[in-house]
Amino acid sequence: MDIIVVNDTNVLIDLYSIDLLEAFFRLPLQVHTTDFVLNELVKDDQRKEVEKFVQSGCLIVKRHTEEELLNIIRFQQRQDSNVSITDCSVWLYAQENGYRLLTGDNKLRKSAIQAGTMVSGILYVFDLLVEQVVLTPQEACDKLNLLRCKNNRLPDKDIAERLKRWERMV
């Protein structure tokens, strides 16, 4: 499996918050993000942890030129959904390269899907963690319940479905 994903800030923060960054980077994915996303990691501990994966080559960071920045600004101005510059940086990067965008931002998700970009969220990551046997179903249940406590924007119905499926596997 050689899937290339582009991470938005919230996915990295969610994974960090439940101590799953290392597990995520063990998946058979080529993981990219943008310099804008790294700049949004303002908590020192989060940033240091993510930087470890940049330094090891597990996280590829797209650094934008001035011309590319202007393209991102023009792209943002054409959007109806009021998505941020950072959101546009990952969306445009994923879209231009045919990569899958990983985001938990609903506005970004809807706009990118409407534009034809492949989009997935944190539950896709959990599915891969279980499928690739990086986490046991029980560990996935525990971590997903923990994330649910920390992030109330997650889709309850989809979480309940996964928890039920994984609990049957235990």
Foldseek 3Di string as FASTA:
>chain_A
DEAEEEEAQVQLVLCVVLVNPVLLLVFNYQYEYEPVSLVPPPDPVSNVVVVVCVVVNSYHYHYDDPVVLVVLVVVCVPDPLNDDSRLSVRLVVCVVVVHEYEDLDPSSVVRSVVVPGHYDYNVVSLVRSPVVVSDQLVRSLVSLVVSCVVDVSDDPVVNVVSNVVSVVVD
